[in-house]
Amino acid sequence: MSNNKSKTTSQLLKSKSPTPDATDRRSQKKKLVNLQDIDSILTQLETEDSQRDSKVRRVCNCMARRHPLFEFAPNCLNCGKIICTKEGLQPCSFCGSDIIPPKIVMPLSNC
């Protein structure tokens, strides 16, 4: 006869290793905060770069989830696409129409 004993599911679950202790959880959380810091710095750099190069056409499909919402024109009046600060004041990257009509843009650019 063999010495193999059958085990119930509850016995198998009890034999698993214990959960990680509190110090492991804190270090994992700290890593997440560091990732959030890195993400926020990258977002800031992307936004600054897009504001410098006014002749370069910028396309971003984040729908203002990664970059802040473009406050002057939060969405395209033609197709409704949400505009982030990385795209800024340029023709809509989806439909190509002007985000703000040219007669309104001129007074804004003089400020």
PDB file of N, CA and C in Angstrom:
ATOM      1  N   MET A   1       0.823  -1.191   0.000  1.00  0.00           N
ATOM      2  CA  MET A   1       0.000   0.000   0.000  1.00  0.00           C
ATOM      3  C   MET A   1       0.862   1.248   0.000  1.00  0.00           C
ATOM      4  N   SER A   2       0.389   2.259  -0.606  1.00  0.00           N
ATOM      5  CA  SER A   2       1.156   3.504  -0.654  1.00  0.00           C
ATOM      6  C   SER A   2       0.826   4.383   0.545  1.00  0.00           C
ATOM      7  N   ASN A   3       1.734   5.278   0.834  1.00  0.00           N
ATOM      8  CA  ASN A   3       1.555   6.172   1.980  1.00  0.00           C
ATOM      9  C   ASN A   3       0.928   7.508   1.581  1.00  0.00           C
ATOM     10  N   ASN A   4       0.419   7.608   0.381  1.00  0.00           N
ATOM     11  CA  ASN A   4      -0.191   8.854  -0.088  1.00  0.00           C
ATOM     12  C   ASN A   4      -1.508   9.073   0.625  1.00  0.00           C
ATOM     13  N   LYS A   5      -1.592  10.180   1.308  1.00  0.00           N
ATOM     14  CA  LYS A   5      -2.843  10.542   1.959  1.00  0.00           C
ATOM     15  C   LYS A   5      -3.541  11.594   1.109  1.00  0.00           C
ATOM     16  N   SER A   6      -4.807  11.533   1.084  1.00  0.00           N
ATOM     17  CA  SER A   6      -5.544  12.566   0.374  1.00  0.00           C
ATOM     18  C   SER A   6      -5.708  13.769   1.295  1.00  0.00           C
ATOM     19  N   LYS A   7      -5.744  14.945   0.682  1.00  0.00           N
ATOM     20  CA  LYS A   7      -5.882  16.178   1.453  1.00  0.00           C
ATOM     21  C   LYS A   7      -7.107  16.933   0.962  1.00  0.00           C
ATOM     22  N   THR A   8      -7.703  17.635   1.869  1.00  0.00           N
ATOM     23  CA  THR A   8      -8.845  18.467   1.504  1.00  0.00           C
ATOM     24  C   THR A   8      -8.340  19.821   1.023  1.00  0.00           C
ATOM     25  N   THR A   9      -9.212  20.562   0.414  1.00  0.00           N
ATOM     26  CA  THR A   9      -8.844  21.878  -0.099  1.00  0.00           C
ATOM     27  C   THR A   9      -8.401  22.803   1.024  1.00  0.00           C
ATOM     28  N   SER A  10      -9.086  22.777   2.142  1.00  0.00           N
ATOM     29  CA  SER A  10      -8.716  23.645   3.259  1.00  0.00           C
ATOM     30  C   SER A  10      -7.337  23.297   3.801  1.00  0.00           C
ATOM     31  N   GLN A  11      -6.956  22.029   3.770  1.00  0.00           N
ATOM     32  CA  GLN A  11      -5.622  21.640   4.226  1.00  0.00           C
ATOM     33  C   GLN A  11      -4.557  22.141   3.250  1.00  0.00           C
ATOM     34  N   LEU A  12      -4.849  22.102   1.977  1.00  0.00           N
ATOM     35  CA  LEU A  12      -3.903  22.604   0.986  1.00  0.00           C
ATOM     36  C   LEU A  12      -3.714  24.121   1.110  1.00  0.00           C
ATOM     37  N   LEU A  13      -4.784  24.841   1.399  1.00  0.00           N
ATOM     38  CA  LEU A  13      -4.692  26.287   1.548  1.00  0.00           C
ATOM     39  C   LEU A  13      -3.880  26.667   2.775  1.00  0.00           C
ATOM     40  N   LYS A  14      -3.997  25.904   3.848  1.00  0.00           N
ATOM     41  CA  LYS A  14      -3.249  26.192   5.070  1.00  0.00           C
ATOM     42  C   LYS A  14      -1.759  25.969   4.873  1.00  0.00           C
ATOM     43  N   SER A  15      -1.373  25.104   3.982  1.00  0.00           N
ATOM     44  CA  SER A  15       0.038  24.791   3.808  1.00  0.00           C
ATOM     45  C   SER A  15       0.791  25.837   2.981  1.00  0.00           C
ATOM     46  N   LYS A  16       0.083  26.787   2.375  1.00  0.00           N
ATOM     47  CA  LYS A  16       0.746  27.831   1.594  1.00  0.00           C
ATOM     48  C   LYS A  16       1.520  28.759   2.509  1.00  0.00           C
ATOM     49  N   SER A  17       2.491  29.448   1.925  1.00  0.00           N
ATOM     50  CA  SER A  17       3.327  30.352   2.714  1.00  0.00           C
ATOM     51  C   SER A  17       2.500  31.525   3.226  1.00  0.00           C
ATOM     52  N   PRO A  18       2.901  32.083   4.352  1.00  0.00           N
ATOM     53  CA  PRO A  18       2.154  33.212   4.917  1.00  0.00           C
ATOM     54  C   PRO A  18       2.291  34.454   4.037  1.00  0.00           C
ATOM     55  N   THR A  19       1.407  35.406   4.244  1.00  0.00           N
ATOM     56  CA  THR A  19       1.420  36.642   3.456  1.00  0.00           C
ATOM     57  C   THR A  19       2.650  37.466   3.810  1.00  0.00           C
ATOM     58  N   PRO A  20       3.096  38.332   2.908  1.00  0.00           N
ATOM     59  CA  PRO A  20       4.274  39.154   3.196  1.00  0.00           C
ATOM     60  C   PRO A  20       4.037  40.053   4.407  1.00  0.00           C
ATOM     61  N   ASP A  21       5.090  40.308   5.148  1.00  0.00           N
ATOM     62  CA  ASP A  21       4.935  41.129   6.346  1.00  0.00           C
ATOM     63  C   ASP A  21       4.797  42.606   5.981  1.00  0.00           C
ATOM     64  N   ALA A  22       4.595  43.431   6.987  1.00  0.00           N
ATOM     65  CA  ALA A  22       4.296  44.848   6.773  1.00  0.00           C
ATOM     66  C   ALA A  22       5.448  45.593   6.103  1.00  0.00           C
ATOM     67  N   THR A  23       6.688  45.213   6.377  1.00  0.00           N
ATOM     68  CA  THR A  23       7.817  45.928   5.765  1.00  0.00           C
ATOM     69  C   THR A  23       7.844  45.722   4.257  1.00  0.00           C
ATOM     70  N   ASP A  24       7.510  44.522   3.800  1.00  0.00           N
ATOM     71  CA  ASP A  24       7.454  44.279   2.360  1.00  0.00           C
ATOM     72  C   ASP A  24       6.366  45.125   1.710  1.00  0.00           C
ATOM     73  N   ARG A  25       5.244  45.245   2.364  1.00  0.00           N
ATOM     74  CA  ARG A  25       4.143  46.042   1.814  1.00  0.00           C
ATOM     75  C   ARG A  25       4.538  47.515   1.722  1.00  0.00           C
ATOM     76  N   ARG A  26       5.240  48.013   2.736  1.00  0.00           N
ATOM     77  CA  ARG A  26       5.661  49.412   2.710  1.00  0.00           C
ATOM     78  C   ARG A  26       6.645  49.670   1.574  1.00  0.00           C
ATOM     79  N   SER A  27       7.562  48.752   1.346  1.00  0.00           N
ATOM     80  CA  SER A  27       8.536  48.956   0.272  1.00  0.00           C
ATOM     81  C   SER A  27       7.859  48.912  -1.095  1.00  0.00           C
ATOM     82  N   GLN A  28       6.846  48.059  -1.243  1.00  0.00           N
ATOM     83  CA  GLN A  28       6.111  48.017  -2.505  1.00  0.00           C
ATOM     84  C   GLN A  28       5.354  49.323  -2.717  1.00  0.00           C
ATOM     85  N   LYS A  29       4.770  49.868  -1.661  1.00  0.00           N
ATOM     86  CA  LYS A  29       4.043  51.119  -1.779  1.00  0.00           C
ATOM     87  C   LYS A  29       5.002  52.264  -2.103  1.00  0.00           C
ATOM     88  N   LYS A  30       6.180  52.254  -1.523  1.00  0.00           N
ATOM     89  CA  LYS A  30       7.168  53.290  -1.797  1.00  0.00           C
ATOM     90  C   LYS A  30       7.568  53.268  -3.267  1.00  0.00           C
ATOM     91  N   LYS A  31       7.708  52.089  -3.840  1.00  0.00           N
ATOM     92  CA  LYS A  31       8.046  51.984  -5.254  1.00  0.00           C
ATOM     93  C   LYS A  31       6.948  52.604  -6.107  1.00  0.00           C
ATOM     94  N   LEU A  32       5.707  52.390  -5.718  1.00  0.00           N
ATOM     95  CA  LEU A  32       4.592  52.954  -6.462  1.00  0.00           C
ATOM     96  C   LEU A  32       4.637  54.476  -6.413  1.00  0.00           C
ATOM     97  N   VAL A  33       4.942  55.033  -5.267  1.00  0.00           N
ATOM     98  CA  VAL A  33       5.050  56.486  -5.155  1.00  0.00           C
ATOM     99  C   VAL A  33       6.174  56.986  -6.052  1.00  0.00           C
ATOM    100  N   ASN A  34       7.282  56.276  -6.080  1.00  0.00           N
ATOM    101  CA  ASN A  34       8.388  56.675  -6.944  1.00  0.00           C
ATOM    102  C   ASN A  34       7.984  56.628  -8.413  1.00  0.00           C
ATOM    103  N   LEU A  35       7.211  55.624  -8.803  1.00  0.00           N
ATOM    104  CA  LEU A  35       6.730  55.553 -10.184  1.00  0.00           C
ATOM    105  C   LEU A  35       5.816  56.727 -10.497  1.00  0.00           C
ATOM    106  N   GLN A  36       4.995  57.112  -9.533  1.00  0.00           N
ATOM    107  CA  GLN A  36       4.118  58.256  -9.743  1.00  0.00           C
ATOM    108  C   GLN A  36       4.929  59.540  -9.884  1.00  0.00           C
ATOM    109  N   ASP A  37       6.007  59.661  -9.110  1.00  0.00           N
ATOM    110  CA  ASP A  37       6.883  60.828  -9.240  1.00  0.00           C
ATOM    111  C   ASP A  37       7.509  60.878 -10.631  1.00  0.00           C
ATOM    112  N   ILE A  38       7.995  59.748 -11.091  1.00  0.00           N
ATOM    113  CA  ILE A  38       8.610  59.675 -12.418  1.00  0.00           C
ATOM    114  C   ILE A  38       7.588  60.021 -13.493  1.00  0.00           C
ATOM    115  N   ASP A  39       6.374  59.500 -13.353  1.00  0.00           N
ATOM    116  CA  ASP A  39       5.322  59.770 -14.326  1.00  0.00           C
ATOM    117  C   ASP A  39       4.973  61.258 -14.351  1.00  0.00           C
ATOM    118  N   SER A  40       4.891  61.882 -13.180  1.00  0.00           N
ATOM    119  CA  SER A  40       4.555  63.306 -13.146  1.00  0.00           C
ATOM    120  C   SER A  40       5.669  64.156 -13.753  1.00  0.00           C
ATOM    121  N   ILE A  41       6.927  63.767 -13.534  1.00  0.00           N
ATOM    122  CA  ILE A  41       8.043  64.500 -14.128  1.00  0.00           C
ATOM    123  C   ILE A  41       8.030  64.353 -15.650  1.00  0.00           C
ATOM    124  N   LEU A  42       7.769  63.137 -16.140  1.00  0.00           N
ATOM    125  CA  LEU A  42       7.690  62.926 -17.589  1.00  0.00           C
ATOM    126  C   LEU A  42       6.562  63.742 -18.205  1.00  0.00           C
ATOM    127  N   THR A  43       5.431  63.787 -17.533  1.00  0.00           N
ATOM    128  CA  THR A  43       4.298  64.565 -18.018  1.00  0.00           C
ATOM    129  C   THR A  43       4.665  66.041 -18.098  1.00  0.00           C
ATOM    130  N   GLN A  44       5.346  66.536 -17.070  1.00  0.00           N
ATOM    131  CA  GLN A  44       5.756  67.934 -17.060  1.00  0.00           C
ATOM    132  C   GLN A  44       6.723  68.227 -18.204  1.00  0.00           C
ATOM    133  N   LEU A  45       7.681  67.343 -18.430  1.00  0.00           N
ATOM    134  CA  LEU A  45       8.642  67.544 -19.516  1.00  0.00           C
ATOM    135  C   LEU A  45       7.967  67.511 -20.879  1.00  0.00           C
ATOM    136  N   GLU A  46       7.025  66.586 -21.070  1.00  0.00           N
ATOM    137  CA  GLU A  46       6.309  66.511 -22.347  1.00  0.00           C
ATOM    138  C   GLU A  46       5.534  67.793 -22.600  1.00  0.00           C
ATOM    139  N   THR A  47       4.899  68.318 -21.569  1.00  0.00           N
ATOM    140  CA  THR A  47       4.103  69.531 -21.711  1.00  0.00           C
ATOM    141  C   THR A  47       4.997  70.725 -22.019  1.00  0.00           C
ATOM    142  N   GLU A  48       6.139  70.836 -21.337  1.00  0.00           N
ATOM    143  CA  GLU A  48       7.061  71.946 -21.595  1.00  0.00           C
ATOM    144  C   GLU A  48       7.623  71.873 -23.011  1.00  0.00           C
ATOM    145  N   ASP A  49       7.988  70.677 -23.466  1.00  0.00           N
ATOM    146  CA  ASP A  49       8.528  70.521 -24.819  1.00  0.00           C
ATOM    147  C   ASP A  49       7.508  70.908 -25.872  1.00  0.00           C
ATOM    148  N   SER A  50       6.246  70.561 -25.651  1.00  0.00           N
ATOM    149  CA  SER A  50       5.222  70.867 -26.643  1.00  0.00           C
ATOM    150  C   SER A  50       4.950  72.361 -26.712  1.00  0.00           C
ATOM    151  N   GLN A  51       5.167  73.084 -25.621  1.00  0.00           N
ATOM    152  CA  GLN A  51       4.939  74.527 -25.638  1.00  0.00           C
ATOM    153  C   GLN A  51       6.079  75.260 -26.335  1.00  0.00           C
ATOM    154  N   ARG A  52       7.267  74.705 -26.343  1.00  0.00           N
ATOM    155  CA  ARG A  52       8.423  75.353 -26.980  1.00  0.00           C
ATOM    156  C   ARG A  52       8.345  75.285 -28.501  1.00  0.00           C
ATOM    157  N   ASP A  53       8.020  74.126 -29.042  1.00  0.00           N
ATOM    158  CA  ASP A  53       8.008  73.919 -30.490  1.00  0.00           C
ATOM    159  C   ASP A  53       6.616  74.222 -31.036  1.00  0.00           C
ATOM    160  N   SER A  54       6.374  75.472 -31.405  1.00  0.00           N
ATOM    161  CA  SER A  54       5.039  75.848 -31.862  1.00  0.00           C
ATOM    162  C   SER A  54       4.779  75.408 -33.300  1.00  0.00           C
ATOM    163  N   LYS A  55       5.840  75.151 -34.090  1.00  0.00           N
ATOM    164  CA  LYS A  55       5.656  74.760 -35.487  1.00  0.00           C
ATOM    165  C   LYS A  55       5.445  73.260 -35.650  1.00  0.00           C
ATOM    166  N   VAL A  56       5.795  72.491 -34.644  1.00  0.00           N
ATOM    167  CA  VAL A  56       5.667  71.038 -34.718  1.00  0.00           C
ATOM    168  C   VAL A  56       4.237  70.651 -34.362  1.00  0.00           C
ATOM    169  N   ARG A  57       3.637  69.825 -35.197  1.00  0.00           N
ATOM    170  CA  ARG A  57       2.277  69.360 -34.917  1.00  0.00           C
ATOM    171  C   ARG A  57       2.331  68.236 -33.892  1.00  0.00           C
ATOM    172  N   ARG A  58       1.606  68.411 -32.805  1.00  0.00           N
ATOM    173  CA  ARG A  58       1.617  67.452 -31.705  1.00  0.00           C
ATOM    174  C   ARG A  58       0.315  66.660 -31.693  1.00  0.00           C
ATOM    175  N   VAL A  59       0.439  65.357 -31.522  1.00  0.00           N
ATOM    176  CA  VAL A  59      -0.723  64.483 -31.454  1.00  0.00           C
ATOM    177  C   VAL A  59      -0.664  63.727 -30.136  1.00  0.00           C
ATOM    178  N   CYS A  60      -1.755  63.758 -29.400  1.00  0.00           N
ATOM    179  CA  CYS A  60      -1.841  63.016 -28.146  1.00  0.00           C
ATOM    180  C   CYS A  60      -3.284  62.541 -27.990  1.00  0.00           C
ATOM    181  N   ASN A  61      -3.449  61.288 -27.697  1.00  0.00           N
ATOM    182  CA  ASN A  61      -4.789  60.725 -27.534  1.00  0.00           C
ATOM    183  C   ASN A  61      -5.088  60.376 -26.083  1.00  0.00           C
ATOM    184  N   CYS A  62      -4.503  61.121 -25.139  1.00  0.00           N
ATOM    185  CA  CYS A  62      -4.692  60.794 -23.722  1.00  0.00           C
ATOM    186  C   CYS A  62      -6.042  61.268 -23.197  1.00  0.00           C
ATOM    187  N   MET A  63      -6.753  62.100 -23.925  1.00  0.00           N
ATOM    188  CA  MET A  63      -8.046  62.644 -23.503  1.00  0.00           C
ATOM    189  C   MET A  63      -7.941  63.343 -22.142  1.00  0.00           C
ATOM    190  N   ALA A  64      -6.833  64.050 -21.934  1.00  0.00           N
ATOM    191  CA  ALA A  64      -6.554  64.809 -20.705  1.00  0.00           C
ATOM    192  C   ALA A  64      -6.470  63.915 -19.476  1.00  0.00           C
ATOM    193  N   ARG A  65      -6.083  62.661 -19.672  1.00  0.00           N
ATOM    194  CA  ARG A  65      -5.854  61.774 -18.529  1.00  0.00           C
ATOM    195  C   ARG A  65      -4.387  61.785 -18.131  1.00  0.00           C
ATOM    196  N   ARG A  66      -3.496  61.944 -19.082  1.00  0.00           N
ATOM    197  CA  ARG A  66      -2.060  61.972 -18.774  1.00  0.00           C
ATOM    198  C   ARG A  66      -1.555  63.407 -18.611  1.00  0.00           C
ATOM    199  N   HIS A  67      -2.019  64.303 -19.449  1.00  0.00           N
ATOM    200  CA  HIS A  67      -1.628  65.709 -19.398  1.00  0.00           C
ATOM    201  C   HIS A  67      -2.841  66.514 -18.948  1.00  0.00           C
ATOM    202  N   PRO A  68      -2.623  67.699 -18.387  1.00  0.00           N
ATOM    203  CA  PRO A  68      -3.765  68.520 -17.956  1.00  0.00           C
ATOM    204  C   PRO A  68      -4.645  68.942 -19.138  1.00  0.00           C
ATOM    205  N   LEU A  69      -5.878  69.244 -18.850  1.00  0.00           N
ATOM    206  CA  LEU A  69      -6.836  69.696 -19.850  1.00  0.00           C
ATOM    207  C   LEU A  69      -6.416  71.073 -20.368  1.00  0.00           C
ATOM    208  N   PHE A  70      -6.509  71.285 -21.673  1.00  0.00           N
ATOM    209  CA  PHE A  70      -6.197  72.584 -22.268  1.00  0.00           C
ATOM    210  C   PHE A  70      -7.360  73.513 -21.951  1.00  0.00           C
ATOM    211  N   GLU A  71      -7.130  74.487 -21.080  1.00  0.00           N
ATOM    212  CA  GLU A  71      -8.217  75.277 -20.503  1.00  0.00           C
ATOM    213  C   GLU A  71      -8.859  76.264 -21.477  1.00  0.00           C
ATOM    214  N   PHE A  72      -8.101  76.786 -22.455  1.00  0.00           N
ATOM    215  CA  PHE A  72      -8.679  77.744 -23.390  1.00  0.00           C
ATOM    216  C   PHE A  72      -9.723  77.089 -24.282  1.00  0.00           C
ATOM    217  N   ALA A  73      -9.468  75.852 -24.684  1.00  0.00           N
ATOM    218  CA  ALA A  73     -10.402  75.106 -25.527  1.00  0.00           C
ATOM    219  C   ALA A  73     -10.341  73.642 -25.106  1.00  0.00           C
ATOM    220  N   PRO A  74     -11.176  73.240 -24.164  1.00  0.00           N
ATOM    221  CA  PRO A  74     -11.085  71.873 -23.639  1.00  0.00           C
ATOM    222  C   PRO A  74     -11.458  70.782 -24.631  1.00  0.00           C
ATOM    223  N   ASN A  75     -12.222  71.129 -25.666  1.00  0.00           N
ATOM    224  CA  ASN A  75     -12.530  70.124 -26.685  1.00  0.00           C
ATOM    225  C   ASN A  75     -12.760  70.793 -28.038  1.00  0.00           C
ATOM    226  N   CYS A  76     -12.648  69.967 -29.076  1.00  0.00           N
ATOM    227  CA  CYS A  76     -12.857  70.449 -30.440  1.00  0.00           C
ATOM    228  C   CYS A  76     -14.348  70.712 -30.638  1.00  0.00           C
ATOM    229  N   LEU A  77     -14.663  71.875 -31.177  1.00  0.00           N
ATOM    230  CA  LEU A  77     -16.070  72.210 -31.393  1.00  0.00           C
ATOM    231  C   LEU A  77     -16.663  71.464 -32.574  1.00  0.00           C
ATOM    232  N   ASN A  78     -15.826  70.905 -33.438  1.00  0.00           N
ATOM    233  CA  ASN A  78     -16.307  70.177 -34.606  1.00  0.00           C
ATOM    234  C   ASN A  78     -16.586  68.709 -34.282  1.00  0.00           C
ATOM    235  N   CYS A  79     -15.603  68.008 -33.704  1.00  0.00           N
ATOM    236  CA  CYS A  79     -15.766  66.565 -33.476  1.00  0.00           C
ATOM    237  C   CYS A  79     -15.899  66.196 -32.001  1.00  0.00           C
ATOM    238  N   GLY A  80     -15.557  67.116 -31.086  1.00  0.00           N
ATOM    239  CA  GLY A  80     -15.709  66.848 -29.659  1.00  0.00           C
ATOM    240  C   GLY A  80     -14.508  66.212 -28.988  1.00  0.00           C
ATOM    241  N   LYS A  81     -13.404  66.051 -29.713  1.00  0.00           N
ATOM    242  CA  LYS A  81     -12.208  65.436 -29.119  1.00  0.00           C
ATOM    243  C   LYS A  81     -11.719  66.282 -27.956  1.00  0.00           C
ATOM    244  N   ILE A  82     -11.374  65.639 -26.841  1.00  0.00           N
ATOM    245  CA  ILE A  82     -10.854  66.336 -25.671  1.00  0.00           C
ATOM    246  C   ILE A  82      -9.393  66.693 -25.934  1.00  0.00           C
ATOM    247  N   ILE A  83      -9.030  67.932 -25.665  1.00  0.00           N
ATOM    248  CA  ILE A  83      -7.697  68.452 -25.968  1.00  0.00           C
ATOM    249  C   ILE A  83      -6.907  68.613 -24.670  1.00  0.00           C
ATOM    250  N   CYS A  84      -5.679  68.081 -24.660  1.00  0.00           N
ATOM    251  CA  CYS A  84      -4.801  68.238 -23.496  1.00  0.00           C
ATOM    252  C   CYS A  84      -3.785  69.342 -23.767  1.00  0.00           C
ATOM    253  N   THR A  85      -3.029  69.720 -22.745  1.00  0.00           N
ATOM    254  CA  THR A  85      -2.055  70.805 -22.899  1.00  0.00           C
ATOM    255  C   THR A  85      -0.914  70.435 -23.827  1.00  0.00           C
ATOM    256  N   LYS A  86      -0.648  69.154 -24.013  1.00  0.00           N
ATOM    257  CA  LYS A  86       0.418  68.758 -24.938  1.00  0.00           C
ATOM    258  C   LYS A  86       0.041  69.136 -26.368  1.00  0.00           C
ATOM    259  N   GLU A  87      -1.212  68.936 -26.735  1.00  0.00           N
ATOM    260  CA  GLU A  87      -1.644  69.317 -28.087  1.00  0.00           C
ATOM    261  C   GLU A  87      -1.753  70.828 -28.214  1.00  0.00           C
ATOM    262  N   GLY A  88      -2.341  71.464 -27.235  1.00  0.00           N
ATOM    263  CA  GLY A  88      -2.408  72.919 -27.211  1.00  0.00           C
ATOM    264  C   GLY A  88      -3.228  73.518 -28.330  1.00  0.00           C
ATOM    265  N   LEU A  89      -2.890  74.751 -28.671  1.00  0.00           N
ATOM    266  CA  LEU A  89      -3.644  75.522 -29.656  1.00  0.00           C
ATOM    267  C   LEU A  89      -3.099  75.245 -31.049  1.00  0.00           C
ATOM    268  N   GLN A  90      -3.692  74.295 -31.711  1.00  0.00           N
ATOM    269  CA  GLN A  90      -3.347  73.895 -33.076  1.00  0.00           C
ATOM    270  C   GLN A  90      -4.599  73.259 -33.662  1.00  0.00           C
ATOM    271  N   PRO A  91      -4.623  72.972 -34.948  1.00  0.00           N
ATOM    272  CA  PRO A  91      -5.790  72.277 -35.492  1.00  0.00           C
ATOM    273  C   PRO A  91      -5.996  70.927 -34.800  1.00  0.00           C
ATOM    274  N   CYS A  92      -7.234  70.503 -34.715  1.00  0.00           N
ATOM    275  CA  CYS A  92      -7.578  69.236 -34.063  1.00  0.00           C
ATOM    276  C   CYS A  92      -6.824  68.091 -34.738  1.00  0.00           C
ATOM    277  N   SER A  93      -6.223  67.237 -33.932  1.00  0.00           N
ATOM    278  CA  SER A  93      -5.443  66.126 -34.491  1.00  0.00           C
ATOM    279  C   SER A  93      -6.342  65.023 -35.036  1.00  0.00           C
ATOM    280  N   PHE A  94      -7.641  65.085 -34.762  1.00  0.00           N
ATOM    281  CA  PHE A  94      -8.556  64.056 -35.260  1.00  0.00           C
ATOM    282  C   PHE A  94      -9.246  64.501 -36.547  1.00  0.00           C
ATOM    283  N   CYS A  95      -9.893  65.670 -36.513  1.00  0.00           N
ATOM    284  CA  CYS A  95     -10.659  66.101 -37.690  1.00  0.00           C
ATOM    285  C   CYS A  95      -9.963  67.202 -38.492  1.00  0.00           C
ATOM    286  N   GLY A  96      -8.965  67.871 -37.919  1.00  0.00           N
ATOM    287  CA  GLY A  96      -8.213  68.887 -38.644  1.00  0.00           C
ATOM    288  C   GLY A  96      -8.799  70.286 -38.599  1.00  0.00           C
ATOM    289  N   SER A  97      -9.949  70.463 -37.981  1.00  0.00           N
ATOM    290  CA  SER A  97     -10.532  71.808 -37.922  1.00  0.00           C
ATOM    291  C   SER A  97      -9.872  72.621 -36.810  1.00  0.00           C
ATOM    292  N   ASP A  98     -10.007  73.950 -36.905  1.00  0.00           N
ATOM    293  CA  ASP A  98      -9.431  74.827 -35.885  1.00  0.00           C
ATOM    294  C   ASP A  98     -10.163  74.623 -34.562  1.00  0.00           C
ATOM    295  N   ILE A  99      -9.386  74.550 -33.481  1.00  0.00           N
ATOM    296  CA  ILE A  99      -9.979  74.384 -32.147  1.00  0.00           C
ATOM    297  C   ILE A  99     -10.719  75.657 -31.758  1.00  0.00           C
ATOM    298  N   ILE A 100     -10.066  76.796 -31.977  1.00  0.00           N
ATOM    299  CA  ILE A 100     -10.664  78.103 -31.709  1.00  0.00           C
ATOM    300  C   ILE A 100     -10.665  78.870 -33.028  1.00  0.00           C
ATOM    301  N   PRO A 101     -11.767  79.517 -33.387  1.00  0.00           N
ATOM    302  CA  PRO A 101     -11.805  80.284 -34.635  1.00  0.00           C
ATOM    303  C   PRO A 101     -10.694  81.340 -34.669  1.00  0.00           C
ATOM    304  N   PRO A 102     -10.112  81.595 -35.851  1.00  0.00           N
ATOM    305  CA  PRO A 102      -8.976  82.535 -35.966  1.00  0.00           C
ATOM    306  C   PRO A 102      -9.266  83.935 -35.428  1.00  0.00           C
ATOM    307  N   LYS A 103     -10.500  84.422 -35.557  1.00  0.00           N
ATOM    308  CA  LYS A 103     -10.791  85.775 -35.072  1.00  0.00           C
ATOM    309  C   LYS A 103     -10.747  85.863 -33.547  1.00  0.00           C
ATOM    310  N   ILE A 104     -10.885  84.743 -32.870  1.00  0.00           N
ATOM    311  CA  ILE A 104     -10.767  84.722 -31.408  1.00  0.00           C
ATOM    312  C   ILE A 104      -9.317  84.483 -30.990  1.00  0.00           C
ATOM    313  N   VAL A 105      -8.559  83.757 -31.807  1.00  0.00           N
ATOM    314  CA  VAL A 105      -7.160  83.438 -31.482  1.00  0.00           C
ATOM    315  C   VAL A 105      -6.298  84.695 -31.479  1.00  0.00           C
ATOM    316  N   MET A 106      -6.524  85.615 -32.403  1.00  0.00           N
ATOM    317  CA  MET A 106      -5.688  86.812 -32.512  1.00  0.00           C
ATOM    318  C   MET A 106      -5.680  87.631 -31.219  1.00  0.00           C
ATOM    319  N   PRO A 107      -6.824  87.950 -30.611  1.00  0.00           N
ATOM    320  CA  PRO A 107      -6.775  88.699 -29.340  1.00  0.00           C
ATOM    321  C   PRO A 107      -6.088  87.904 -28.218  1.00  0.00           C
ATOM    322  N   LEU A 108      -6.227  86.591 -28.219  1.00  0.00           N
ATOM    323  CA  LEU A 108      -5.585  85.774 -27.189  1.00  0.00           C
ATOM    324  C   LEU A 108      -4.072  85.778 -27.338  1.00  0.00           C
ATOM    325  N   SER A 109      -3.581  85.762 -28.572  1.00  0.00           N
ATOM    326  CA  SER A 109      -2.135  85.722 -28.791  1.00  0.00           C
ATOM    327  C   SER A 109      -1.470  87.056 -28.458  1.00  0.00           C
ATOM    328  N   ASN A 110      -2.221  88.148 -28.463  1.00  0.00           N
ATOM    329  CA  ASN A 110      -1.661  89.459 -28.129  1.00  0.00           C
ATOM    330  C   ASN A 110      -1.495  89.658 -26.629  1.00  0.00           C
ATOM    331  N   CYS A 111      -2.158  88.853 -25.837  1.00  0.00           N
ATOM    332  CA  CYS A 111      -2.082  88.995 -24.371  1.00  0.00           C
ATOM    333  C   CYS A 111      -0.766  88.543 -23.817  1.00  0.00           C
TER     334      CYS A 111
END
